Amino acid sequence: MVADIVFIAPASNWCKRILRRRGGVDPKEGSMAQRGDDVGVYAISVVAELVGTGQQNIRLYERKGLLTPDRTAGGTRQYSETDLAVLRRIGELLADGLNLAGVAKVLELETANAGLRRELERRKEAQRRGTR
C-alpha cells in the first residue's frame, strides 16, 4: 500500500508580506498553520497547481456548489486547506468514475456522516462523564 504524500511549501517572505497586507497573516497571531484550516490564503492558480487540475475546473466546482472559497473585498477567491482537501476528494471521486452530480451527493453524505459521528462521540463523552 502506498501512502499519499502531500507537500505544501512554506510561504516565501514575498508571500507573507502580501498576506499581511491583505490581512491573511498577522505576526502577532502566529503562523498560517496556527490560524486554522478554514482560512483562505491560496490563490486559484496555486490551488490548481497543488491539486493538479485546471483553474476552470475549480471554478466549475464552485458554480456547482461543491466548494465555497473565501473572497477578498475585491472578489478574488482565496482557498483554504479545507478547500484543498475537498478538491482532492473531488479528484478522487472523479477518477473513480463519478460525475459531478454523484460527487456532490457523496460529499453531502460524507459531511452528514461526519456530523453524525461527532454527535455520537459527544453523546458517548457525556454518558461517560455522567456515569463516573
Protein backbone atom coordinates (compact mmCIF):
# COMPACT_ATOMS: atom_id res chain seq x y z
CA MET A 1 0.00 0.00 0.00
CA VAL A 2 1.40 3.38 -1.00
CA ALA A 3 0.55 6.37 1.18
CA ASP A 4 -0.29 9.70 -0.39
CA ILE A 5 2.40 12.22 0.39
CA VAL A 6 1.38 15.84 0.31
CA PHE A 7 3.96 18.60 0.42
CA ILE A 8 2.95 22.19 0.73
CA ALA A 9 5.88 24.57 0.55
CA PRO A 10 6.13 27.19 3.26
CA ALA A 11 5.15 30.69 2.25
CA SER A 12 8.03 32.78 0.96
CA ASN A 13 8.80 36.17 2.51
CA TRP A 14 7.18 37.83 -0.51
CA CYS A 15 4.02 35.78 0.01
CA LYS A 16 3.96 36.57 3.73
CA ARG A 17 4.22 40.32 3.02
CA ILE A 18 1.32 40.12 0.57
CA LEU A 19 -0.76 38.10 3.04
CA ARG A 20 -0.05 40.57 5.84
CA ARG A 21 -1.21 43.45 3.60
CA ARG A 22 -4.38 41.52 2.78
CA GLY A 23 -4.94 40.62 6.40
CA GLY A 24 -4.09 36.94 5.93
CA VAL A 25 -1.22 36.74 8.43
CA ASP A 26 -0.67 38.87 11.47
CA PRO A 27 2.72 38.24 13.08
CA LYS A 28 1.10 38.73 16.49
CA GLU A 29 -1.36 35.90 15.77
CA GLY A 30 1.30 33.40 14.74
CA SER A 31 1.94 31.49 11.55
CA MET A 32 -0.58 30.50 8.90
CA ALA A 33 -0.51 26.96 10.28
CA GLN A 34 -1.62 28.24 13.69
CA ARG A 35 -4.60 30.12 12.23
CA GLY A 36 -6.58 27.06 11.21
CA ASP A 37 -7.52 25.14 8.11
CA ASP A 38 -10.54 27.27 7.19
CA VAL A 39 -8.65 30.50 6.47
CA GLY A 40 -8.45 31.23 2.76
CA VAL A 41 -4.87 32.03 1.79
CA TYR A 42 -4.23 30.38 -1.59
CA ALA A 43 -4.96 31.93 -4.98
CA ILE A 44 -6.71 29.81 -7.58
CA SER A 45 -3.52 29.43 -9.64
CA VAL A 46 -1.67 27.99 -6.63
CA VAL A 47 -4.56 25.68 -5.78
CA ALA A 48 -4.77 24.40 -9.36
CA GLU A 49 -1.06 23.57 -9.23
CA LEU A 50 -1.26 21.91 -5.79
CA VAL A 51 -4.31 19.82 -6.67
CA GLY A 52 -3.30 19.07 -10.26
CA THR A 53 -6.37 20.37 -12.05
CA GLY A 54 -7.25 23.39 -14.14
CA GLN A 55 -8.50 26.71 -12.86
CA GLN A 56 -11.65 26.38 -14.96
CA ASN A 57 -12.42 23.06 -13.28
CA ILE A 58 -12.14 24.69 -9.87
CA ARG A 59 -14.47 27.49 -10.98
CA LEU A 60 -16.92 24.87 -12.29
CA TYR A 61 -16.87 23.02 -8.95
CA GLU A 62 -17.68 26.31 -7.23
CA ARG A 63 -20.57 27.00 -9.65
CA LYS A 64 -21.92 23.50 -8.95
CA GLY A 65 -21.79 24.21 -5.20
CA LEU A 66 -19.09 21.66 -4.39
CA LEU A 67 -16.97 24.23 -2.54
CA THR A 68 -17.20 27.85 -1.47
CA PRO A 69 -13.86 29.65 -1.19
CA ASP A 70 -13.40 32.84 0.79
CA ARG A 71 -13.39 36.08 -1.18
CA THR A 72 -11.39 39.24 -0.71
CA ALA A 73 -13.13 42.62 -0.64
CA GLY A 74 -12.31 42.83 -4.35
CA GLY A 75 -13.89 39.44 -5.07
CA THR A 76 -10.72 37.37 -5.54
CA ARG A 77 -11.10 33.76 -4.49
CA GLN A 78 -8.94 32.60 -1.58
CA TYR A 79 -8.78 28.88 -0.87
CA SER A 80 -8.10 27.27 2.50
CA GLU A 81 -6.55 23.95 3.49
CA THR A 82 -10.10 22.63 3.89
CA ASP A 83 -10.87 23.69 0.30
CA LEU A 84 -7.74 21.86 -0.86
CA ALA A 85 -8.91 18.69 0.90
CA VAL A 86 -12.33 18.98 -0.76
CA LEU A 87 -10.72 19.48 -4.17
CA ARG A 88 -8.52 16.44 -3.65
CA ARG A 89 -11.57 14.40 -2.67
CA ILE A 90 -13.42 15.64 -5.78
CA GLY A 91 -10.47 14.49 -7.89
CA GLU A 92 -10.53 11.04 -6.26
CA LEU A 93 -14.25 10.65 -6.87
CA LEU A 94 -13.98 11.79 -10.49
CA ALA A 95 -11.11 9.35 -11.03
CA ASP A 96 -13.38 6.60 -9.64
CA GLY A 97 -15.85 7.37 -12.43
CA LEU A 98 -18.46 9.54 -10.71
CA ASN A 99 -19.97 12.51 -12.49
CA LEU A 100 -20.32 15.89 -10.74
CA ALA A 101 -23.85 15.10 -9.53
CA GLY A 102 -22.53 11.90 -7.96
CA VAL A 103 -19.60 13.76 -6.45
CA ALA A 104 -21.98 16.31 -4.92
CA LYS A 105 -24.10 13.54 -3.38
CA VAL A 106 -21.07 11.70 -1.97
CA LEU A 107 -19.69 14.92 -0.45
CA GLU A 108 -23.10 15.67 1.06
CA LEU A 109 -23.36 12.19 2.57
CA GLU A 110 -19.78 12.29 3.87
CA THR A 111 -20.46 15.64 5.55
CA ALA A 112 -23.67 14.32 7.12
CA ASN A 113 -21.86 11.16 8.26
CA ALA A 114 -19.08 13.21 9.85
CA GLY A 115 -21.68 15.28 11.71
CA LEU A 116 -23.38 12.14 12.99
CA ARG A 117 -20.04 10.73 14.15
CA ARG A 118 -19.27 13.95 16.05
CA GLU A 119 -22.69 13.83 17.68
CA LEU A 120 -22.18 10.18 18.65
CA GLU A 121 -18.78 10.97 20.17
CA ARG A 122 -20.26 13.93 22.04
CA ARG A 123 -23.03 11.74 23.48
CA LYS A 124 -20.59 8.97 24.41
CA GLU A 125 -18.41 11.50 26.20
CA ALA A 126 -21.43 12.97 28.01
CA GLN A 127 -22.51 9.48 29.03
CA ARG A 128 -19.01 8.65 30.33
CA ARG A 129 -19.00 11.85 32.41
CA GLY A 130 -22.48 11.10 33.71
CA THR A 131 -21.66 7.53 34.79
CA ARG A 132 -18.45 8.28 36.63
